[in-house]
Amino acid sequence: FSRSAPAHSLSLLAIQRFPRDYTG
């Protein structure tokens, strides 16, 4: 039961808005 969820998680999100309404 102690291993029934990840002990750690990480997310890194980079969002860039470009000219002419483009986004990445």
mmCIF file of all heavy atoms, coordinates in Angstrom:
data_MODEL
# 
_entry.id   MODEL 
# 
loop_
_atom_site.group_PDB 
_atom_site.id 
_atom_site.type_symbol 
_atom_site.label_atom_id 
_atom_site.label_alt_id 
_atom_site.label_comp_id 
_atom_site.label_asym_id 
_atom_site.label_entity_id 
_atom_site.label_seq_id 
_atom_site.pdbx_PDB_ins_code 
_atom_site.Cartn_x 
_atom_site.Cartn_y 
_atom_site.Cartn_z 
_atom_site.occupancy 
_atom_site.B_iso_or_equiv 
_atom_site.pdbx_formal_charge 
_atom_site.auth_seq_id 
_atom_site.auth_comp_id 
_atom_site.auth_asym_id 
_atom_site.auth_atom_id 
_atom_site.pdbx_PDB_model_num 
ATOM 1   N N   . PHE A 1 1  ? 0.827  -1.202 0.000   1.00 0.00 ? 1  PHE A N   1 
ATOM 2   C CA  . PHE A 1 1  ? 0.000  0.000  0.000   1.00 0.00 ? 1  PHE A CA  1 
ATOM 3   C C   . PHE A 1 1  ? 0.862  1.253  0.000   1.00 0.00 ? 1  PHE A C   1 
ATOM 4   O O   . PHE A 1 1  ? 0.521  2.248  -0.620  1.00 0.00 ? 1  PHE A O   1 
ATOM 5   C CB  . PHE A 1 1  ? -0.934 -0.013 1.211   1.00 0.00 ? 1  PHE A CB  1 
ATOM 6   C CG  . PHE A 1 1  ? -2.043 0.993  1.118   1.00 0.00 ? 1  PHE A CG  1 
ATOM 7   C CD1 . PHE A 1 1  ? -3.063 0.825  0.204   1.00 0.00 ? 1  PHE A CD1 1 
ATOM 8   C CD2 . PHE A 1 1  ? -2.052 2.100  1.924   1.00 0.00 ? 1  PHE A CD2 1 
ATOM 9   C CE1 . PHE A 1 1  ? -4.088 1.745  0.099   1.00 0.00 ? 1  PHE A CE1 1 
ATOM 10  C CE2 . PHE A 1 1  ? -3.073 3.037  1.825   1.00 0.00 ? 1  PHE A CE2 1 
ATOM 11  C CZ  . PHE A 1 1  ? -4.084 2.850  0.917   1.00 0.00 ? 1  PHE A CZ  1 
ATOM 12  N N   . SER A 1 2  ? 2.011  1.205  0.657   1.00 0.00 ? 2  SER A N   1 
ATOM 13  C CA  . SER A 1 2  ? 2.885  2.383  0.725   1.00 0.00 ? 2  SER A CA  1 
ATOM 14  C C   . SER A 1 2  ? 3.474  2.742  -0.636  1.00 0.00 ? 2  SER A C   1 
ATOM 15  O O   . SER A 1 2  ? 3.935  3.849  -0.838  1.00 0.00 ? 2  SER A O   1 
ATOM 16  C CB  . SER A 1 2  ? 3.999  2.165  1.740   1.00 0.00 ? 2  SER A CB  1 
ATOM 17  O OG  . SER A 1 2  ? 4.902  1.185  1.283   1.00 0.00 ? 2  SER A OG  1 
ATOM 18  N N   . ARG A 1 3  ? 3.434  1.819  -1.583  1.00 0.00 ? 3  ARG A N   1 
ATOM 19  C CA  . ARG A 1 3  ? 3.935  2.092  -2.939  1.00 0.00 ? 3  ARG A CA  1 
ATOM 20  C C   . ARG A 1 3  ? 2.797  2.322  -3.938  1.00 0.00 ? 3  ARG A C   1 
ATOM 21  O O   . ARG A 1 3  ? 3.010  2.298  -5.145  1.00 0.00 ? 3  ARG A O   1 
ATOM 22  C CB  . ARG A 1 3  ? 4.794  0.913  -3.403  1.00 0.00 ? 3  ARG A CB  1 
ATOM 23  C CG  . ARG A 1 3  ? 6.053  0.709  -2.586  1.00 0.00 ? 3  ARG A CG  1 
ATOM 24  C CD  . ARG A 1 3  ? 6.938  -0.380 -3.170  1.00 0.00 ? 3  ARG A CD  1 
ATOM 25  N NE  . ARG A 1 3  ? 6.257  -1.655 -3.347  1.00 0.00 ? 3  ARG A NE  1 
ATOM 26  C CZ  . ARG A 1 3  ? 6.297  -2.676 -2.495  1.00 0.00 ? 3  ARG A CZ  1 
ATOM 27  N NH1 . ARG A 1 3  ? 6.988  -2.582 -1.392  1.00 0.00 ? 3  ARG A NH1 1 
ATOM 28  N NH2 . ARG A 1 3  ? 5.651  -3.791 -2.742  1.00 0.00 ? 3  ARG A NH2 1 
ATOM 29  N N   . SER A 1 4  ? 1.577  2.547  -3.447  1.00 0.00 ? 4  SER A N   1 
ATOM 30  C CA  . SER A 1 4  ? 0.420  2.647  -4.343  1.00 0.00 ? 4  SER A CA  1 
ATOM 31  C C   . SER A 1 4  ? 0.287  4.021  -5.004  1.00 0.00 ? 4  SER A C   1 
ATOM 32  O O   . SER A 1 4  ? -0.659 4.248  -5.761  1.00 0.00 ? 4  SER A O   1 
ATOM 33  C CB  . SER A 1 4  ? -0.860 2.304  -3.590  1.00 0.00 ? 4  SER A CB  1 
ATOM 34  O OG  . SER A 1 4  ? -1.097 3.243  -2.561  1.00 0.00 ? 4  SER A OG  1 
ATOM 35  N N   . ALA A 1 5  ? 1.192  4.913  -4.732  1.00 0.00 ? 5  ALA A N   1 
ATOM 36  C CA  . ALA A 1 5  ? 1.262  6.210  -5.424  1.00 0.00 ? 5  ALA A CA  1 
ATOM 37  C C   . ALA A 1 5  ? 2.734  6.554  -5.585  1.00 0.00 ? 5  ALA A C   1 
ATOM 38  O O   . ALA A 1 5  ? 3.561  6.141  -4.762  1.00 0.00 ? 5  ALA A O   1 
ATOM 39  C CB  . ALA A 1 5  ? 0.555  7.294  -4.619  1.00 0.00 ? 5  ALA A CB  1 
ATOM 40  N N   . PRO A 1 6  ? 3.098  7.269  -6.621  1.00 0.00 ? 6  PRO A N   1 
ATOM 41  C CA  . PRO A 1 6  ? 4.506  7.661  -6.774  1.00 0.00 ? 6  PRO A CA  1 
ATOM 42  C C   . PRO A 1 6  ? 4.967  8.493  -5.573  1.00 0.00 ? 6  PRO A C   1 
ATOM 43  O O   . PRO A 1 6  ? 4.248  9.383  -5.126  1.00 0.00 ? 6  PRO A O   1 
ATOM 44  C CB  . PRO A 1 6  ? 4.516  8.493  -8.046  1.00 0.00 ? 6  PRO A CB  1 
ATOM 45  C CG  . PRO A 1 6  ? 3.260  8.147  -8.766  1.00 0.00 ? 6  PRO A CG  1 
ATOM 46  C CD  . PRO A 1 6  ? 2.271  7.767  -7.713  1.00 0.00 ? 6  PRO A CD  1 
ATOM 47  N N   . ALA A 1 7  ? 6.149  8.203  -5.074  1.00 0.00 ? 7  ALA A N   1 
ATOM 48  C CA  . ALA A 1 7  ? 6.685  8.961  -3.941  1.00 0.00 ? 7  ALA A CA  1 
ATOM 49  C C   . ALA A 1 7  ? 7.073  10.374 -4.369  1.00 0.00 ? 7  ALA A C   1 
ATOM 50  O O   . ALA A 1 7  ? 7.128  11.273 -3.541  1.00 0.00 ? 7  ALA A O   1 
ATOM 51  C CB  . ALA A 1 7  ? 7.892  8.238  -3.349  1.00 0.00 ? 7  ALA A CB  1 
ATOM 52  N N   . HIS A 1 8  ? 7.324  10.565 -5.658  1.00 0.00 ? 8  HIS A N   1 
ATOM 53  C CA  . HIS A 1 8  ? 7.657  11.900 -6.143  1.00 0.00 ? 8  HIS A CA  1 
ATOM 54  C C   . HIS A 1 8  ? 7.173  12.071 -7.584  1.00 0.00 ? 8  HIS A C   1 
ATOM 55  O O   . HIS A 1 8  ? 7.058  11.104 -8.328  1.00 0.00 ? 8  HIS A O   1 
ATOM 56  C CB  . HIS A 1 8  ? 9.167  12.157 -6.073  1.00 0.00 ? 8  HIS A CB  1 
ATOM 57  C CG  . HIS A 1 8  ? 9.951  11.288 -6.996  1.00 0.00 ? 8  HIS A CG  1 
ATOM 58  N ND1 . HIS A 1 8  ? 10.313 10.004 -6.680  1.00 0.00 ? 8  HIS A ND1 1 
ATOM 59  C CD2 . HIS A 1 8  ? 10.410 11.503 -8.247  1.00 0.00 ? 8  HIS A CD2 1 
ATOM 60  C CE1 . HIS A 1 8  ? 10.977 9.469  -7.693  1.00 0.00 ? 8  HIS A CE1 1 
ATOM 61  N NE2 . HIS A 1 8  ? 11.044 10.352 -8.655  1.00 0.00 ? 8  HIS A NE2 1 
ATOM 62  N N   . SER A 1 9  ? 6.882  13.304 -7.929  1.00 0.00 ? 9  SER A N   1 
ATOM 63  C CA  . SER A 1 9  ? 6.546  13.643 -9.313  1.00 0.00 ? 9  SER A CA  1 
ATOM 64  C C   . SER A 1 9  ? 6.980  15.084 -9.551  1.00 0.00 ? 9  SER A C   1 
ATOM 65  O O   . SER A 1 9  ? 7.052  15.898 -8.627  1.00 0.00 ? 9  SER A O   1 
ATOM 66  C CB  . SER A 1 9  ? 5.049  13.471 -9.584  1.00 0.00 ? 9  SER A CB  1 
ATOM 67  O OG  . SER A 1 9  ? 4.291  14.317 -8.759  1.00 0.00 ? 9  SER A OG  1 
ATOM 68  N N   . LEU A 1 10 ? 7.284  15.362 -10.799 1.00 0.00 ? 10 LEU A N   1 
ATOM 69  C CA  . LEU A 1 10 ? 7.776  16.675 -11.179 1.00 0.00 ? 10 LEU A CA  1 
ATOM 70  C C   . LEU A 1 10 ? 7.239  17.019 -12.557 1.00 0.00 ? 10 LEU A C   1 
ATOM 71  O O   . LEU A 1 10 ? 7.138  16.141 -13.421 1.00 0.00 ? 10 LEU A O   1 
ATOM 72  C CB  . LEU A 1 10 ? 9.306  16.666 -11.203 1.00 0.00 ? 10 LEU A CB  1 
ATOM 73  C CG  . LEU A 1 10 ? 10.000 17.905 -11.749 1.00 0.00 ? 10 LEU A CG  1 
ATOM 74  C CD1 . LEU A 1 10 ? 11.202 18.237 -10.885 1.00 0.00 ? 10 LEU A CD1 1 
ATOM 75  C CD2 . LEU A 1 10 ? 10.446 17.708 -13.182 1.00 0.00 ? 10 LEU A CD2 1 
ATOM 76  N N   . SER A 1 11 ? 6.884  18.270 -12.769 1.00 0.00 ? 11 SER A N   1 
ATOM 77  C CA  . SER A 1 11 ? 6.547  18.735 -14.115 1.00 0.00 ? 11 SER A CA  1 
ATOM 78  C C   . SER A 1 11 ? 7.165  20.113 -14.315 1.00 0.00 ? 11 SER A C   1 
ATOM 79  O O   . SER A 1 11 ? 7.219  20.929 -13.393 1.00 0.00 ? 11 SER A O   1 
ATOM 80  C CB  . SER A 1 11 ? 5.035  18.782 -14.339 1.00 0.00 ? 11 SER A CB  1 
ATOM 81  O OG  . SER A 1 11 ? 4.438  19.774 -13.560 1.00 0.00 ? 11 SER A OG  1 
ATOM 82  N N   . LEU A 1 12 ? 7.653  20.324 -15.513 1.00 0.00 ? 12 LEU A N   1 
ATOM 83  C CA  . LEU A 1 12 ? 8.246  21.598 -15.899 1.00 0.00 ? 12 LEU A CA  1 
ATOM 84  C C   . LEU A 1 12 ? 7.627  21.985 -17.232 1.00 0.00 ? 12 LEU A C   1 
ATOM 85  O O   . LEU A 1 12 ? 7.726  21.239 -18.210 1.00 0.00 ? 12 LEU A O   1 
ATOM 86  C CB  . LEU A 1 12 ? 9.767  21.461 -16.021 1.00 0.00 ? 12 LEU A CB  1 
ATOM 87  C CG  . LEU A 1 12 ? 10.538 22.721 -16.387 1.00 0.00 ? 12 LEU A CG  1 
ATOM 88  C CD1 . LEU A 1 12 ? 10.353 23.807 -15.338 1.00 0.00 ? 12 LEU A CD1 1 
ATOM 89  C CD2 . LEU A 1 12 ? 12.015 22.394 -16.550 1.00 0.00 ? 12 LEU A CD2 1 
ATOM 90  N N   . LEU A 1 13 ? 6.953  23.126 -17.263 1.00 0.00 ? 13 LEU A N   1 
ATOM 91  C CA  . LEU A 1 13 ? 6.239  23.571 -18.448 1.00 0.00 ? 13 LEU A CA  1 
ATOM 92  C C   . LEU A 1 13 ? 6.754  24.937 -18.868 1.00 0.00 ? 13 LEU A C   1 
ATOM 93  O O   . LEU A 1 13 ? 6.817  25.856 -18.053 1.00 0.00 ? 13 LEU A O   1 
ATOM 94  C CB  . LEU A 1 13 ? 4.734  23.651 -18.158 1.00 0.00 ? 13 LEU A CB  1 
ATOM 95  C CG  . LEU A 1 13 ? 3.839  24.160 -19.281 1.00 0.00 ? 13 LEU A CG  1 
ATOM 96  C CD1 . LEU A 1 13 ? 3.862  23.207 -20.473 1.00 0.00 ? 13 LEU A CD1 1 
ATOM 97  C CD2 . LEU A 1 13 ? 2.417  24.356 -18.777 1.00 0.00 ? 13 LEU A CD2 1 
ATOM 98  N N   . ALA A 1 14 ? 7.149  25.058 -20.134 1.00 0.00 ? 14 ALA A N   1 
ATOM 99  C CA  . ALA A 1 14 ? 7.583  26.340 -20.696 1.00 0.00 ? 14 ALA A CA  1 
ATOM 100 C C   . ALA A 1 14 ? 6.580  26.727 -21.784 1.00 0.00 ? 14 ALA A C   1 
ATOM 101 O O   . ALA A 1 14 ? 6.278  25.933 -22.677 1.00 0.00 ? 14 ALA A O   1 
ATOM 102 C CB  . ALA A 1 14 ? 8.974  26.230 -21.288 1.00 0.00 ? 14 ALA A CB  1 
ATOM 103 N N   . ILE A 1 15 ? 6.059  27.932 -21.671 1.00 0.00 ? 15 ILE A N   1 
ATOM 104 C CA  . ILE A 1 15 ? 5.073  28.441 -22.625 1.00 0.00 ? 15 ILE A CA  1 
ATOM 105 C C   . ILE A 1 15 ? 5.633  29.711 -23.249 1.00 0.00 ? 15 ILE A C   1 
ATOM 106 O O   . ILE A 1 15 ? 6.073  30.615 -22.539 1.00 0.00 ? 15 ILE A O   1 
ATOM 107 C CB  . ILE A 1 15 ? 3.737  28.759 -21.934 1.00 0.00 ? 15 ILE A CB  1 
ATOM 108 C CG1 . ILE A 1 15 ? 3.210  27.528 -21.198 1.00 0.00 ? 15 ILE A CG1 1 
ATOM 109 C CG2 . ILE A 1 15 ? 2.708  29.279 -22.937 1.00 0.00 ? 15 ILE A CG2 1 
ATOM 110 C CD1 . ILE A 1 15 ? 2.102  27.833 -20.221 1.00 0.00 ? 15 ILE A CD1 1 
ATOM 111 N N   . GLN A 1 16 ? 5.618  29.756 -24.584 1.00 0.00 ? 16 GLN A N   1 
ATOM 112 C CA  . GLN A 1 16 ? 6.140  30.919 -25.303 1.00 0.00 ? 16 GLN A CA  1 
ATOM 113 C C   . GLN A 1 16 ? 5.078  31.422 -26.273 1.00 0.00 ? 16 GLN A C   1 
ATOM 114 O O   . GLN A 1 16 ? 4.564  30.660 -27.089 1.00 0.00 ? 16 GLN A O   1 
ATOM 115 C CB  . GLN A 1 16 ? 7.415  30.560 -26.064 1.00 0.00 ? 16 GLN A CB  1 
ATOM 116 C CG  . GLN A 1 16 ? 8.017  31.688 -26.854 1.00 0.00 ? 16 GLN A CG  1 
ATOM 117 C CD  . GLN A 1 16 ? 8.522  32.819 -25.962 1.00 0.00 ? 16 GLN A CD  1 
ATOM 118 O OE1 . GLN A 1 16 ? 9.247  32.578 -25.013 1.00 0.00 ? 16 GLN A OE1 1 
ATOM 119 N NE2 . GLN A 1 16 ? 8.133  34.049 -26.273 1.00 0.00 ? 16 GLN A NE2 1 
ATOM 120 N N   . ARG A 1 17 ? 4.749  32.700 -26.158 1.00 0.00 ? 17 ARG A N   1 
ATOM 121 C CA  . ARG A 1 17 ? 3.852  33.327 -27.122 1.00 0.00 ? 17 ARG A CA  1 
ATOM 122 C C   . ARG A 1 17 ? 4.707  34.009 -28.182 1.00 0.00 ? 17 ARG A C   1 
ATOM 123 O O   . ARG A 1 17 ? 5.644  34.746 -27.862 1.00 0.00 ? 17 ARG A O   1 
ATOM 124 C CB  . ARG A 1 17 ? 2.934  34.331 -26.416 1.00 0.00 ? 17 ARG A CB  1 
ATOM 125 C CG  . ARG A 1 17 ? 1.841  33.642 -25.619 1.00 0.00 ? 17 ARG A CG  1 
ATOM 126 C CD  . ARG A 1 17 ? 0.838  34.623 -25.016 1.00 0.00 ? 17 ARG A CD  1 
ATOM 127 N NE  . ARG A 1 17 ? 1.414  35.659 -24.168 1.00 0.00 ? 17 ARG A NE  1 
ATOM 128 C CZ  . ARG A 1 17 ? 1.835  35.470 -22.924 1.00 0.00 ? 17 ARG A CZ  1 
ATOM 129 N NH1 . ARG A 1 17 ? 1.763  34.272 -22.374 1.00 0.00 ? 17 ARG A NH1 1 
ATOM 130 N NH2 . ARG A 1 17 ? 2.339  36.466 -22.223 1.00 0.00 ? 17 ARG A NH2 1 
ATOM 131 N N   . PHE A 1 18 ? 4.371  33.755 -29.432 1.00 0.00 ? 18 PHE A N   1 
ATOM 132 C CA  . PHE A 1 18 ? 5.111  34.306 -30.567 1.00 0.00 ? 18 PHE A CA  1 
ATOM 133 C C   . PHE A 1 18 ? 4.241  35.342 -31.276 1.00 0.00 ? 18 PHE A C   1 
ATOM 134 O O   . PHE A 1 18 ? 3.024  35.389 -31.077 1.00 0.00 ? 18 PHE A O   1 
ATOM 135 C CB  . PHE A 1 18 ? 5.498  33.188 -31.544 1.00 0.00 ? 18 PHE A CB  1 
ATOM 136 C CG  . PHE A 1 18 ? 6.381  32.144 -30.948 1.00 0.00 ? 18 PHE A CG  1 
ATOM 137 C CD1 . PHE A 1 18 ? 5.869  30.903 -30.596 1.00 0.00 ? 18 PHE A CD1 1 
ATOM 138 C CD2 . PHE A 1 18 ? 7.735  32.383 -30.733 1.00 0.00 ? 18 PHE A CD2 1 
ATOM 139 C CE1 . PHE A 1 18 ? 6.684  29.929 -30.052 1.00 0.00 ? 18 PHE A CE1 1 
ATOM 140 C CE2 . PHE A 1 18 ? 8.555  31.420 -30.189 1.00 0.00 ? 18 PHE A CE2 1 
ATOM 141 C CZ  . PHE A 1 18 ? 8.029  30.189 -29.842 1.00 0.00 ? 18 PHE A CZ  1 
ATOM 142 N N   . PRO A 1 19 ? 4.830  36.144 -32.158 1.00 0.00 ? 19 PRO A N   1 
ATOM 143 C CA  . PRO A 1 19 ? 4.033  37.096 -32.938 1.00 0.00 ? 19 PRO A CA  1 
ATOM 144 C C   . PRO A 1 19 ? 2.980  36.384 -33.784 1.00 0.00 ? 19 PRO A C   1 
ATOM 145 O O   . PRO A 1 19 ? 3.080  35.191 -34.055 1.00 0.00 ? 19 PRO A O   1 
ATOM 146 C CB  . PRO A 1 19 ? 5.077  37.786 -33.832 1.00 0.00 ? 19 PRO A CB  1 
ATOM 147 C CG  . PRO A 1 19 ? 6.383  37.606 -33.120 1.00 0.00 ? 19 PRO A CG  1 
ATOM 148 C CD  . PRO A 1 19 ? 6.268  36.287 -32.403 1.00 0.00 ? 19 PRO A CD  1 
ATOM 149 N N   . ARG A 1 20 ? 1.983  37.133 -34.180 1.00 0.00 ? 20 ARG A N   1 
ATOM 150 C CA  . ARG A 1 20 ? 0.889  36.669 -35.046 1.00 0.00 ? 20 ARG A CA  1 
ATOM 151 C C   . ARG A 1 20 ? 0.047  35.568 -34.397 1.00 0.00 ? 20 ARG A C   1 
ATOM 152 O O   . ARG A 1 20 ? -0.429 34.654 -35.069 1.00 0.00 ? 20 ARG A O   1 
ATOM 153 C CB  . ARG A 1 20 ? 1.416  36.204 -36.395 1.00 0.00 ? 20 ARG A CB  1 
ATOM 154 C CG  . ARG A 1 20 ? 2.083  37.320 -37.170 1.00 0.00 ? 20 ARG A CG  1 
ATOM 155 C CD  . ARG A 1 20 ? 2.423  36.877 -38.553 1.00 0.00 ? 20 ARG A CD  1 
ATOM 156 N NE  . ARG A 1 20 ? 3.238  37.888 -39.187 1.00 0.00 ? 20 ARG A NE  1 
ATOM 157 C CZ  . ARG A 1 20 ? 4.125  37.627 -40.108 1.00 0.00 ? 20 ARG A CZ  1 
ATOM 158 N NH1 . ARG A 1 20 ? 4.326  36.398 -40.515 1.00 0.00 ? 20 ARG A NH1 1 
ATOM 159 N NH2 . ARG A 1 20 ? 4.832  38.603 -40.643 1.00 0.00 ? 20 ARG A NH2 1 
ATOM 160 N N   . ASP A 1 21 ? -0.068 35.620 -33.077 1.00 0.00 ? 21 ASP A N   1 
ATOM 161 C CA  . ASP A 1 21 ? -0.946 34.709 -32.324 1.00 0.00 ? 21 ASP A CA  1 
ATOM 162 C C   . ASP A 1 21 ? -0.528 33.241 -32.374 1.00 0.00 ? 21 ASP A C   1 
ATOM 163 O O   . ASP A 1 21 ? -1.370 32.351 -32.292 1.00 0.00 ? 21 ASP A O   1 
ATOM 164 C CB  . ASP A 1 21 ? -2.402 34.865 -32.772 1.00 0.00 ? 21 ASP A CB  1 
ATOM 165 C CG  . ASP A 1 21 ? -2.981 36.188 -32.328 1.00 0.00 ? 21 ASP A CG  1 
ATOM 166 O OD1 . ASP A 1 21 ? -2.710 36.601 -31.182 1.00 0.00 ? 21 ASP A OD1 1 
ATOM 167 O OD2 . ASP A 1 21 ? -3.710 36.819 -33.124 1.00 0.00 ? 21 ASP A OD2 1 
ATOM 168 N N   . TYR A 1 22 ? 0.748  32.986 -32.494 1.00 0.00 ? 22 TYR A N   1 
ATOM 169 C CA  . TYR A 1 22 ? 1.264  31.625 -32.363 1.00 0.00 ? 22 TYR A CA  1 
ATOM 170 C C   . TYR A 1 22 ? 1.702  31.404 -30.917 1.00 0.00 ? 22 TYR A C   1 
ATOM 171 O O   . TYR A 1 22 ? 2.208  32.318 -30.260 1.00 0.00 ? 22 TYR A O   1 
ATOM 172 C CB  . TYR A 1 22 ? 2.462  31.391 -33.289 1.00 0.00 ? 22 TYR A CB  1 
ATOM 173 C CG  . TYR A 1 22 ? 2.100  31.190 -34.727 1.00 0.00 ? 22 TYR A CG  1 
ATOM 174 C CD1 . TYR A 1 22 ? 2.097  32.260 -35.623 1.00 0.00 ? 22 TYR A CD1 1 
ATOM 175 C CD2 . TYR A 1 22 ? 1.761  29.932 -35.202 1.00 0.00 ? 22 TYR A CD2 1 
ATOM 176 C CE1 . TYR A 1 22 ? 1.768  32.091 -36.951 1.00 0.00 ? 22 TYR A CE1 1 
ATOM 177 C CE2 . TYR A 1 22 ? 1.432  29.749 -36.536 1.00 0.00 ? 22 TYR A CE2 1 
ATOM 178 C CZ  . TYR A 1 22 ? 1.436  30.826 -37.399 1.00 0.00 ? 22 TYR A CZ  1 
ATOM 179 O OH  . TYR A 1 22 ? 1.108  30.638 -38.708 1.00 0.00 ? 22 TYR A OH  1 
ATOM 180 N N   . THR A 1 23 ? 1.520  30.195 -30.425 1.00 0.00 ? 23 THR A N   1 
ATOM 181 C CA  . THR A 1 23 ? 1.960  29.822 -29.078 1.00 0.00 ? 23 THR A CA  1 
ATOM 182 C C   . THR A 1 23 ? 2.601  28.447 -29.145 1.00 0.00 ? 23 THR A C   1 
ATOM 183 O O   . THR A 1 23 ? 2.128  27.561 -29.858 1.00 0.00 ? 23 THR A O   1 
ATOM 184 C CB  . THR A 1 23 ? 0.760  29.751 -28.105 1.00 0.00 ? 23 THR A CB  1 
ATOM 185 O OG1 . THR A 1 23 ? 0.089  31.001 -28.100 1.00 0.00 ? 23 THR A OG1 1 
ATOM 186 C CG2 . THR A 1 23 ? 1.214  29.422 -26.686 1.00 0.00 ? 23 THR A CG2 1 
ATOM 187 N N   . GLY A 1 24 ? 3.670  28.270 -28.382 1.00 0.00 ? 24 GLY A N   1 
ATOM 188 C CA  . GLY A 1 24 ? 4.318  26.968 -28.277 1.00 0.00 ? 24 GLY A CA  1 
ATOM 189 C C   . GLY A 1 24 ? 4.517  26.625 -26.813 1.00 0.00 ? 24 GLY A C   1 
ATOM 190 O O   . GLY A 1 24 ? 4.711  27.503 -25.966 1.00 0.00 ? 24 GLY A O   1 
# 
